[in-house]
Amino acid sequence: MARRKLKTYDAEFKGRKVRVTVPESDEADALGEAIKGNLSPEAVATLANAVRVHVNGRRTNPEVRRQLDWLANRLVSMLGGENAYHDLLKEAGL
């Protein structure tokens, strides 16, 4: 089995420059789990819609726009894709 090379990053520790690795974690899934545990599917669809409307309606820093697009797309994929997203928006009255 091939080993994956860990990414390393420059950091400063006690006044010295060091190279560190950051282990992969399940933190990316923590966001999804927190959303699923606290919001209804209709609320998630409404949130994704609000993010999309905001991004499309404003001139935004390109990096911020990319990040907001990522968030909206992640929320939509959590719902099961575009069709489920649109169905849930209808159920939410939007």
PDB file of N, CA and C in Angstrom:
ATOM      1  N   MET A   1       0.836  -1.174   0.000  1.00  0.00           N
ATOM      2  CA  MET A   1       0.000   0.000   0.000  1.00  0.00           C
ATOM      3  C   MET A   1       0.886   1.243   0.000  1.00  0.00           C
ATOM      4  N   ALA A   2       0.601   2.174  -0.895  1.00  0.00           N
ATOM      5  CA  ALA A   2       1.401   3.396  -1.002  1.00  0.00           C
ATOM      6  C   ALA A   2       1.023   4.376   0.100  1.00  0.00           C
ATOM      7  N   ARG A   3       2.018   5.021   0.628  1.00  0.00           N
ATOM      8  CA  ARG A   3       1.768   6.032   1.657  1.00  0.00           C
ATOM      9  C   ARG A   3       1.568   7.378   0.997  1.00  0.00           C
ATOM     10  N   ARG A   4       0.586   8.111   1.496  1.00  0.00           N
ATOM     11  CA  ARG A   4       0.371   9.466   0.999  1.00  0.00           C
ATOM     12  C   ARG A   4       1.323  10.406   1.700  1.00  0.00           C
ATOM     13  N   LYS A   5       1.852  11.324   0.934  1.00  0.00           N
ATOM     14  CA  LYS A   5       2.745  12.317   1.510  1.00  0.00           C
ATOM     15  C   LYS A   5       1.911  13.372   2.229  1.00  0.00           C
ATOM     16  N   LEU A   6       2.230  13.610   3.491  1.00  0.00           N
ATOM     17  CA  LEU A   6       1.515  14.615   4.256  1.00  0.00           C
ATOM     18  C   LEU A   6       1.956  16.001   3.829  1.00  0.00           C
ATOM     19  N   LYS A   7       1.018  16.924   3.814  1.00  0.00           N
ATOM     20  CA  LYS A   7       1.354  18.307   3.512  1.00  0.00           C
ATOM     21  C   LYS A   7       2.058  18.905   4.724  1.00  0.00           C
ATOM     22  N   THR A   8       3.036  19.722   4.452  1.00  0.00           N
ATOM     23  CA  THR A   8       3.724  20.416   5.538  1.00  0.00           C
ATOM     24  C   THR A   8       3.531  21.914   5.364  1.00  0.00           C
ATOM     25  N   TYR A   9       3.608  22.607   6.488  1.00  0.00           N
ATOM     26  CA  TYR A   9       3.378  24.044   6.502  1.00  0.00           C
ATOM     27  C   TYR A   9       4.455  24.722   7.329  1.00  0.00           C
ATOM     28  N   ASP A  10       4.784  25.936   6.941  1.00  0.00           N
ATOM     29  CA  ASP A  10       5.706  26.735   7.736  1.00  0.00           C
ATOM     30  C   ASP A  10       4.941  27.315   8.917  1.00  0.00           C
ATOM     31  N   ALA A  11       5.574  27.301  10.068  1.00  0.00           N
ATOM     32  CA  ALA A  11       4.970  27.874  11.267  1.00  0.00           C
ATOM     33  C   ALA A  11       6.077  28.443  12.139  1.00  0.00           C
ATOM     34  N   GLU A  12       5.679  29.196  13.125  1.00  0.00           N
ATOM     35  CA  GLU A  12       6.642  29.732  14.073  1.00  0.00           C
ATOM     36  C   GLU A  12       6.288  29.188  15.448  1.00  0.00           C
ATOM     37  N   PHE A  13       7.291  28.653  16.122  1.00  0.00           N
ATOM     38  CA  PHE A  13       7.080  28.091  17.447  1.00  0.00           C
ATOM     39  C   PHE A  13       8.199  28.569  18.361  1.00  0.00           C
ATOM     40  N   LYS A  14       7.829  29.292  19.397  1.00  0.00           N
ATOM     41  CA  LYS A  14       8.803  29.829  20.355  1.00  0.00           C
ATOM     42  C   LYS A  14       9.904  30.610  19.660  1.00  0.00           C
ATOM     43  N   GLY A  15       9.487  31.411  18.684  1.00  0.00           N
ATOM     44  CA  GLY A  15      10.426  32.274  17.997  1.00  0.00           C
ATOM     45  C   GLY A  15      11.238  31.611  16.902  1.00  0.00           C
ATOM     46  N   ARG A  16      11.028  30.325  16.674  1.00  0.00           N
ATOM     47  CA  ARG A  16      11.763  29.611  15.624  1.00  0.00           C
ATOM     48  C   ARG A  16      10.826  29.212  14.503  1.00  0.00           C
ATOM     49  N   LYS A  17      11.353  29.222  13.280  1.00  0.00           N
ATOM     50  CA  LYS A  17      10.561  28.745  12.151  1.00  0.00           C
ATOM     51  C   LYS A  17      10.684  27.229  12.099  1.00  0.00           C
ATOM     52  N   VAL A  18       9.548  26.568  11.977  1.00  0.00           N
ATOM     53  CA  VAL A  18       9.522  25.101  11.914  1.00  0.00           C
ATOM     54  C   VAL A  18       8.579  24.673  10.805  1.00  0.00           C
ATOM     55  N   ARG A  19       8.727  23.427  10.372  1.00  0.00           N
ATOM     56  CA  ARG A  19       7.802  22.814   9.407  1.00  0.00           C
ATOM     57  C   ARG A  19       6.914  21.865  10.197  1.00  0.00           C
ATOM     58  N   VAL A  20       5.621  21.952   9.982  1.00  0.00           N
ATOM     59  CA  VAL A  20       4.688  21.084  10.700  1.00  0.00           C
ATOM     60  C   VAL A  20       3.782  20.371   9.707  1.00  0.00           C
ATOM     61  N   THR A  21       3.278  19.237  10.123  1.00  0.00           N
ATOM     62  CA  THR A  21       2.260  18.540   9.349  1.00  0.00           C
ATOM     63  C   THR A  21       0.942  18.691  10.092  1.00  0.00           C
ATOM     64  N   VAL A  22      -0.110  18.709   9.345  1.00  0.00           N
ATOM     65  CA  VAL A  22      -1.437  18.777   9.945  1.00  0.00           C
ATOM     66  C   VAL A  22      -2.160  17.502   9.547  1.00  0.00           C
ATOM     67  N   PRO A  23      -2.460  16.653  10.534  1.00  0.00           N
ATOM     68  CA  PRO A  23      -3.115  15.386  10.183  1.00  0.00           C
ATOM     69  C   PRO A  23      -4.503  15.631   9.622  1.00  0.00           C
ATOM     70  N   GLU A  24      -4.890  14.748   8.715  1.00  0.00           N
ATOM     71  CA  GLU A  24      -6.242  14.841   8.189  1.00  0.00           C
ATOM     72  C   GLU A  24      -7.206  14.516   9.312  1.00  0.00           C
ATOM     73  N   SER A  25      -8.320  15.200   9.301  1.00  0.00           N
ATOM     74  CA  SER A  25      -9.282  14.968  10.366  1.00  0.00           C
ATOM     75  C   SER A  25     -10.681  14.912   9.791  1.00  0.00           C
ATOM     76  N   ASP A  26     -11.590  14.622  10.650  1.00  0.00           N
ATOM     77  CA  ASP A  26     -12.989  14.581  10.257  1.00  0.00           C
ATOM     78  C   ASP A  26     -13.666  15.921  10.498  1.00  0.00           C
ATOM     79  N   GLU A  27     -12.873  16.981  10.682  1.00  0.00           N
ATOM     80  CA  GLU A  27     -13.460  18.282  10.967  1.00  0.00           C
ATOM     81  C   GLU A  27     -14.323  18.783   9.823  1.00  0.00           C
ATOM     82  N   ALA A  28     -13.999  18.418   8.594  1.00  0.00           N
ATOM     83  CA  ALA A  28     -14.828  18.841   7.467  1.00  0.00           C
ATOM     84  C   ALA A  28     -16.218  18.257   7.617  1.00  0.00           C
ATOM     85  N   ASP A  29     -16.302  17.034   8.124  1.00  0.00           N
ATOM     86  CA  ASP A  29     -17.598  16.413   8.344  1.00  0.00           C
ATOM     87  C   ASP A  29     -18.290  16.985   9.568  1.00  0.00           C
ATOM     88  N   ALA A  30     -17.548  17.604  10.470  1.00  0.00           N
ATOM     89  CA  ALA A  30     -18.145  18.173  11.681  1.00  0.00           C
ATOM     90  C   ALA A  30     -19.130  19.276  11.324  1.00  0.00           C
ATOM     91  N   LEU A  31     -18.828  20.067  10.313  1.00  0.00           N
ATOM     92  CA  LEU A  31     -19.746  21.118   9.888  1.00  0.00           C
ATOM     93  C   LEU A  31     -21.064  20.498   9.426  1.00  0.00           C
ATOM     94  N   GLY A  32     -20.970  19.510   8.579  1.00  0.00           N
ATOM     95  CA  GLY A  32     -22.176  18.850   8.084  1.00  0.00           C
ATOM     96  C   GLY A  32     -22.990  18.222   9.198  1.00  0.00           C
ATOM     97  N   GLU A  33     -22.311  17.572  10.126  1.00  0.00           N
ATOM     98  CA  GLU A  33     -23.006  16.941  11.244  1.00  0.00           C
ATOM     99  C   GLU A  33     -23.679  17.983  12.132  1.00  0.00           C
ATOM    100  N   ALA A  34     -23.011  19.101  12.367  1.00  0.00           N
ATOM    101  CA  ALA A  34     -23.603  20.161  13.182  1.00  0.00           C
ATOM    102  C   ALA A  34     -24.835  20.743  12.495  1.00  0.00           C
ATOM    103  N   ILE A  35     -24.754  20.924  11.187  1.00  0.00           N
ATOM    104  CA  ILE A  35     -25.896  21.460  10.447  1.00  0.00           C
ATOM    105  C   ILE A  35     -27.051  20.477  10.479  1.00  0.00           C
ATOM    106  N   LYS A  36     -26.763  19.199  10.206  1.00  0.00           N
ATOM    107  CA  LYS A  36     -27.813  18.176  10.202  1.00  0.00           C
ATOM    108  C   LYS A  36     -28.459  18.041  11.578  1.00  0.00           C
ATOM    109  N   GLY A  37     -27.665  18.210  12.627  1.00  0.00           N
ATOM    110  CA  GLY A  37     -28.180  18.044  13.977  1.00  0.00           C
ATOM    111  C   GLY A  37     -28.996  19.217  14.483  1.00  0.00           C
ATOM    112  N   ASN A  38     -28.900  20.370  13.810  1.00  0.00           N
ATOM    113  CA  ASN A  38     -29.549  21.572  14.331  1.00  0.00           C
ATOM    114  C   ASN A  38     -30.525  22.241  13.382  1.00  0.00           C
ATOM    115  N   LEU A  39     -30.486  21.889  12.112  1.00  0.00           N
ATOM    116  CA  LEU A  39     -31.354  22.556  11.137  1.00  0.00           C
ATOM    117  C   LEU A  39     -32.174  21.529  10.362  1.00  0.00           C
ATOM    118  N   SER A  40     -33.398  21.895  10.064  1.00  0.00           N
ATOM    119  CA  SER A  40     -34.238  21.041   9.218  1.00  0.00           C
ATOM    120  C   SER A  40     -33.736  21.128   7.783  1.00  0.00           C
ATOM    121  N   PRO A  41     -34.102  20.152   6.944  1.00  0.00           N
ATOM    122  CA  PRO A  41     -33.713  20.244   5.532  1.00  0.00           C
ATOM    123  C   PRO A  41     -34.233  21.524   4.867  1.00  0.00           C
ATOM    124  N   GLU A  42     -35.428  21.961   5.249  1.00  0.00           N
ATOM    125  CA  GLU A  42     -35.973  23.196   4.683  1.00  0.00           C
ATOM    126  C   GLU A  42     -35.124  24.406   5.090  1.00  0.00           C
ATOM    127  N   ALA A  43     -34.648  24.406   6.332  1.00  0.00           N
ATOM    128  CA  ALA A  43     -33.796  25.504   6.792  1.00  0.00           C
ATOM    129  C   ALA A  43     -32.458  25.494   6.060  1.00  0.00           C
ATOM    130  N   VAL A  44     -31.903  24.309   5.814  1.00  0.00           N
ATOM    131  CA  VAL A  44     -30.637  24.209   5.079  1.00  0.00           C
ATOM    132  C   VAL A  44     -30.830  24.725   3.651  1.00  0.00           C
ATOM    133  N   ALA A  45     -31.935  24.356   3.023  1.00  0.00           N
ATOM    134  CA  ALA A  45     -32.215  24.832   1.666  1.00  0.00           C
ATOM    135  C   ALA A  45     -32.356  26.355   1.656  1.00  0.00           C
ATOM    136  N   THR A  46     -33.042  26.888   2.655  1.00  0.00           N
ATOM    137  CA  THR A  46     -33.219  28.330   2.745  1.00  0.00           C
ATOM    138  C   THR A  46     -31.882  29.037   2.944  1.00  0.00           C
ATOM    139  N   LEU A  47     -31.018  28.464   3.769  1.00  0.00           N
ATOM    140  CA  LEU A  47     -29.689  29.025   3.999  1.00  0.00           C
ATOM    141  C   LEU A  47     -28.862  29.002   2.711  1.00  0.00           C
ATOM    142  N   ALA A  48     -28.879  27.871   2.010  1.00  0.00           N
ATOM    143  CA  ALA A  48     -28.149  27.777   0.737  1.00  0.00           C
ATOM    144  C   ALA A  48     -28.665  28.812  -0.246  1.00  0.00           C
ATOM    145  N   ASN A  49     -29.982  28.979  -0.283  1.00  0.00           N
ATOM    146  CA  ASN A  49     -30.574  29.966  -1.180  1.00  0.00           C
ATOM    147  C   ASN A  49     -30.122  31.380  -0.816  1.00  0.00           C
ATOM    148  N   ALA A  50     -30.102  31.680   0.461  1.00  0.00           N
ATOM    149  CA  ALA A  50     -29.677  33.019   0.903  1.00  0.00           C
ATOM    150  C   ALA A  50     -28.231  33.284   0.514  1.00  0.00           C
ATOM    151  N   VAL A  51     -27.385  32.288   0.657  1.00  0.00           N
ATOM    152  CA  VAL A  51     -25.970  32.461   0.290  1.00  0.00           C
ATOM    153  C   VAL A  51     -25.857  32.678  -1.212  1.00  0.00           C
ATOM    154  N   ARG A  52     -26.574  31.866  -1.998  1.00  0.00           N
ATOM    155  CA  ARG A  52     -26.518  32.022  -3.452  1.00  0.00           C
ATOM    156  C   ARG A  52     -27.037  33.381  -3.894  1.00  0.00           C
ATOM    157  N   VAL A  53     -28.137  33.831  -3.316  1.00  0.00           N
ATOM    158  CA  VAL A  53     -28.703  35.134  -3.679  1.00  0.00           C
ATOM    159  C   VAL A  53     -27.713  36.236  -3.330  1.00  0.00           C
ATOM    160  N   HIS A  54     -27.105  36.142  -2.170  1.00  0.00           N
ATOM    161  CA  HIS A  54     -26.139  37.161  -1.757  1.00  0.00           C
ATOM    162  C   HIS A  54     -24.952  37.212  -2.722  1.00  0.00           C
ATOM    163  N   VAL A  55     -24.412  36.057  -3.053  1.00  0.00           N
ATOM    164  CA  VAL A  55     -23.240  36.007  -3.937  1.00  0.00           C
ATOM    165  C   VAL A  55     -23.585  36.523  -5.321  1.00  0.00           C
ATOM    166  N   ASN A  56     -24.748  36.152  -5.826  1.00  0.00           N
ATOM    167  CA  ASN A  56     -25.119  36.553  -7.184  1.00  0.00           C
ATOM    168  C   ASN A  56     -25.557  38.000  -7.270  1.00  0.00           C
ATOM    169  N   GLY A  57     -25.980  38.586  -6.166  1.00  0.00           N
ATOM    170  CA  GLY A  57     -26.501  39.932  -6.197  1.00  0.00           C
ATOM    171  C   GLY A  57     -25.507  41.009  -5.826  1.00  0.00           C
ATOM    172  N   ARG A  58     -24.308  40.629  -5.481  1.00  0.00           N
ATOM    173  CA  ARG A  58     -23.339  41.623  -5.012  1.00  0.00           C
ATOM    174  C   ARG A  58     -21.995  41.447  -5.701  1.00  0.00           C
ATOM    175  N   ARG A  59     -21.297  42.549  -5.758  1.00  0.00           N
ATOM    176  CA  ARG A  59     -19.897  42.473  -6.195  1.00  0.00           C
ATOM    177  C   ARG A  59     -19.095  42.120  -4.963  1.00  0.00           C
ATOM    178  N   THR A  60     -18.398  41.049  -5.059  1.00  0.00           N
ATOM    179  CA  THR A  60     -17.707  40.510  -3.900  1.00  0.00           C
ATOM    180  C   THR A  60     -16.271  40.194  -4.262  1.00  0.00           C
ATOM    181  N   ASN A  61     -15.427  40.261  -3.277  1.00  0.00           N
ATOM    182  CA  ASN A  61     -14.048  39.823  -3.423  1.00  0.00           C
ATOM    183  C   ASN A  61     -14.061  38.413  -4.019  1.00  0.00           C
ATOM    184  N   PRO A  62     -13.260  38.136  -5.045  1.00  0.00           N
ATOM    185  CA  PRO A  62     -13.290  36.828  -5.697  1.00  0.00           C
ATOM    186  C   PRO A  62     -13.040  35.654  -4.745  1.00  0.00           C
ATOM    187  N   GLU A  63     -12.176  35.837  -3.777  1.00  0.00           N
ATOM    188  CA  GLU A  63     -11.906  34.751  -2.832  1.00  0.00           C
ATOM    189  C   GLU A  63     -13.111  34.519  -1.924  1.00  0.00           C
ATOM    190  N   VAL A  64     -13.743  35.588  -1.484  1.00  0.00           N
ATOM    191  CA  VAL A  64     -14.950  35.453  -0.657  1.00  0.00           C
ATOM    192  C   VAL A  64     -16.054  34.793  -1.481  1.00  0.00           C
ATOM    193  N   ARG A  65     -16.186  35.205  -2.723  1.00  0.00           N
ATOM    194  CA  ARG A  65     -17.189  34.608  -3.610  1.00  0.00           C
ATOM    195  C   ARG A  65     -16.943  33.105  -3.764  1.00  0.00           C
ATOM    196  N   ARG A  66     -15.687  32.710  -3.955  1.00  0.00           N
ATOM    197  CA  ARG A  66     -15.356  31.287  -4.092  1.00  0.00           C
ATOM    198  C   ARG A  66     -15.747  30.522  -2.828  1.00  0.00           C
ATOM    199  N   GLN A  67     -15.450  31.097  -1.678  1.00  0.00           N
ATOM    200  CA  GLN A  67     -15.759  30.433  -0.414  1.00  0.00           C
ATOM    201  C   GLN A  67     -17.271  30.315  -0.196  1.00  0.00           C
ATOM    202  N   LEU A  68     -18.009  31.372  -0.534  1.00  0.00           N
ATOM    203  CA  LEU A  68     -19.459  31.314  -0.385  1.00  0.00           C
ATOM    204  C   LEU A  68     -20.088  30.347  -1.379  1.00  0.00           C
ATOM    205  N   ASP A  69     -19.547  30.288  -2.584  1.00  0.00           N
ATOM    206  CA  ASP A  69     -20.013  29.290  -3.558  1.00  0.00           C
ATOM    207  C   ASP A  69     -19.783  27.885  -3.012  1.00  0.00           C
ATOM    208  N   TRP A  70     -18.611  27.662  -2.415  1.00  0.00           N
ATOM    209  CA  TRP A  70     -18.304  26.356  -1.823  1.00  0.00           C
ATOM    210  C   TRP A  70     -19.340  26.004  -0.751  1.00  0.00           C
ATOM    211  N   LEU A  71     -19.644  26.958   0.122  1.00  0.00           N
ATOM    212  CA  LEU A  71     -20.601  26.708   1.197  1.00  0.00           C
ATOM    213  C   LEU A  71     -21.978  26.384   0.637  1.00  0.00           C
ATOM    214  N   ALA A  72     -22.451  27.195  -0.296  1.00  0.00           N
ATOM    215  CA  ALA A  72     -23.772  26.953  -0.879  1.00  0.00           C
ATOM    216  C   ALA A  72     -23.819  25.593  -1.567  1.00  0.00           C
ATOM    217  N   ASN A  73     -22.790  25.256  -2.323  1.00  0.00           N
ATOM    218  CA  ASN A  73     -22.755  23.964  -3.016  1.00  0.00           C
ATOM    219  C   ASN A  73     -22.694  22.801  -2.034  1.00  0.00           C
ATOM    220  N   ARG A  74     -21.971  22.981  -0.945  1.00  0.00           N
ATOM    221  CA  ARG A  74     -21.909  21.923   0.071  1.00  0.00           C
ATOM    222  C   ARG A  74     -23.275  21.714   0.714  1.00  0.00           C
ATOM    223  N   LEU A  75     -23.966  22.803   1.016  1.00  0.00           N
ATOM    224  CA  LEU A  75     -25.300  22.695   1.603  1.00  0.00           C
ATOM    225  C   LEU A  75     -26.267  21.993   0.648  1.00  0.00           C
ATOM    226  N   VAL A  76     -26.205  22.363  -0.621  1.00  0.00           N
ATOM    227  CA  VAL A  76     -27.081  21.734  -1.612  1.00  0.00           C
ATOM    228  C   VAL A  76     -26.765  20.249  -1.735  1.00  0.00           C
ATOM    229  N   SER A  77     -25.495  19.891  -1.738  1.00  0.00           N
ATOM    230  CA  SER A  77     -25.148  18.467  -1.851  1.00  0.00           C
ATOM    231  C   SER A  77     -25.587  17.696  -0.609  1.00  0.00           C
ATOM    232  N   MET A  78     -25.574  18.341   0.567  1.00  0.00           N
ATOM    233  CA  MET A  78     -26.060  17.684   1.780  1.00  0.00           C
ATOM    234  C   MET A  78     -27.544  17.346   1.670  1.00  0.00           C
ATOM    235  N   LEU A  79     -28.265  18.137   0.899  1.00  0.00           N
ATOM    236  CA  LEU A  79     -29.701  17.933   0.731  1.00  0.00           C
ATOM    237  C   LEU A  79     -30.019  16.859  -0.302  1.00  0.00           C
ATOM    238  N   GLY A  80     -29.026  16.459  -1.064  1.00  0.00           N
ATOM    239  CA  GLY A  80     -29.247  15.441  -2.083  1.00  0.00           C
ATOM    240  C   GLY A  80     -29.187  15.972  -3.500  1.00  0.00           C
ATOM    241  N   GLY A  81     -28.730  17.209  -3.666  1.00  0.00           N
ATOM    242  CA  GLY A  81     -28.558  17.762  -5.002  1.00  0.00           C
ATOM    243  C   GLY A  81     -29.572  18.835  -5.332  1.00  0.00           C
ATOM    244  N   GLU A  82     -29.448  19.333  -6.554  1.00  0.00           N
ATOM    245  CA  GLU A  82     -30.252  20.477  -7.003  1.00  0.00           C
ATOM    246  C   GLU A  82     -31.762  20.206  -6.950  1.00  0.00           C
ATOM    247  N   ASN A  83     -32.193  19.016  -7.395  1.00  0.00           N
ATOM    248  CA  ASN A  83     -33.631  18.741  -7.411  1.00  0.00           C
ATOM    249  C   ASN A  83     -34.210  18.752  -6.002  1.00  0.00           C
ATOM    250  N   ALA A  84     -33.535  18.097  -5.065  1.00  0.00           N
ATOM    251  CA  ALA A  84     -33.998  18.073  -3.677  1.00  0.00           C
ATOM    252  C   ALA A  84     -33.985  19.485  -3.100  1.00  0.00           C
ATOM    253  N   TYR A  85     -32.953  20.241  -3.413  1.00  0.00           N
ATOM    254  CA  TYR A  85     -32.837  21.630  -2.960  1.00  0.00           C
ATOM    255  C   TYR A  85     -34.041  22.449  -3.421  1.00  0.00           C
ATOM    256  N   HIS A  86     -34.392  22.352  -4.688  1.00  0.00           N
ATOM    257  CA  HIS A  86     -35.523  23.116  -5.219  1.00  0.00           C
ATOM    258  C   HIS A  86     -36.847  22.643  -4.619  1.00  0.00           C
ATOM    259  N   ASP A  87     -37.004  21.329  -4.437  1.00  0.00           N
ATOM    260  CA  ASP A  87     -38.227  20.803  -3.804  1.00  0.00           C
ATOM    261  C   ASP A  87     -38.367  21.334  -2.375  1.00  0.00           C
ATOM    262  N   LEU A  88     -37.256  21.355  -1.630  1.00  0.00           N
ATOM    263  CA  LEU A  88     -37.300  21.841  -0.257  1.00  0.00           C
ATOM    264  C   LEU A  88     -37.565  23.348  -0.187  1.00  0.00           C
ATOM    265  N   LEU A  89     -37.052  24.097  -1.157  1.00  0.00           N
ATOM    266  CA  LEU A  89     -37.358  25.530  -1.207  1.00  0.00           C
ATOM    267  C   LEU A  89     -38.862  25.743  -1.417  1.00  0.00           C
ATOM    268  N   LYS A  90     -39.478  24.918  -2.256  1.00  0.00           N
ATOM    269  CA  LYS A  90     -40.931  25.017  -2.469  1.00  0.00           C
ATOM    270  C   LYS A  90     -41.666  24.721  -1.175  1.00  0.00           C
ATOM    271  N   GLU A  91     -41.217  23.658  -0.468  1.00  0.00           N
ATOM    272  CA  GLU A  91     -41.848  23.298   0.801  1.00  0.00           C
ATOM    273  C   GLU A  91     -41.697  24.420   1.840  1.00  0.00           C
ATOM    274  N   ALA A  92     -40.585  25.125   1.774  1.00  0.00           N
ATOM    275  CA  ALA A  92     -40.336  26.219   2.715  1.00  0.00           C
ATOM    276  C   ALA A  92     -41.073  27.500   2.316  1.00  0.00           C
ATOM    277  N   GLY A  93     -41.692  27.490   1.143  1.00  0.00           N
ATOM    278  CA  GLY A  93     -42.450  28.640   0.690  1.00  0.00           C
ATOM    279  C   GLY A  93     -41.645  29.681  -0.037  1.00  0.00           C
ATOM    280  N   LEU A  94     -40.495  29.299  -0.564  1.00  0.00           N
ATOM    281  CA  LEU A  94     -39.660  30.260  -1.304  1.00  0.00           C
ATOM    282  C   LEU A  94     -39.743  29.996  -2.798  1.00  0.00           C
TER     283      LEU A  94
END
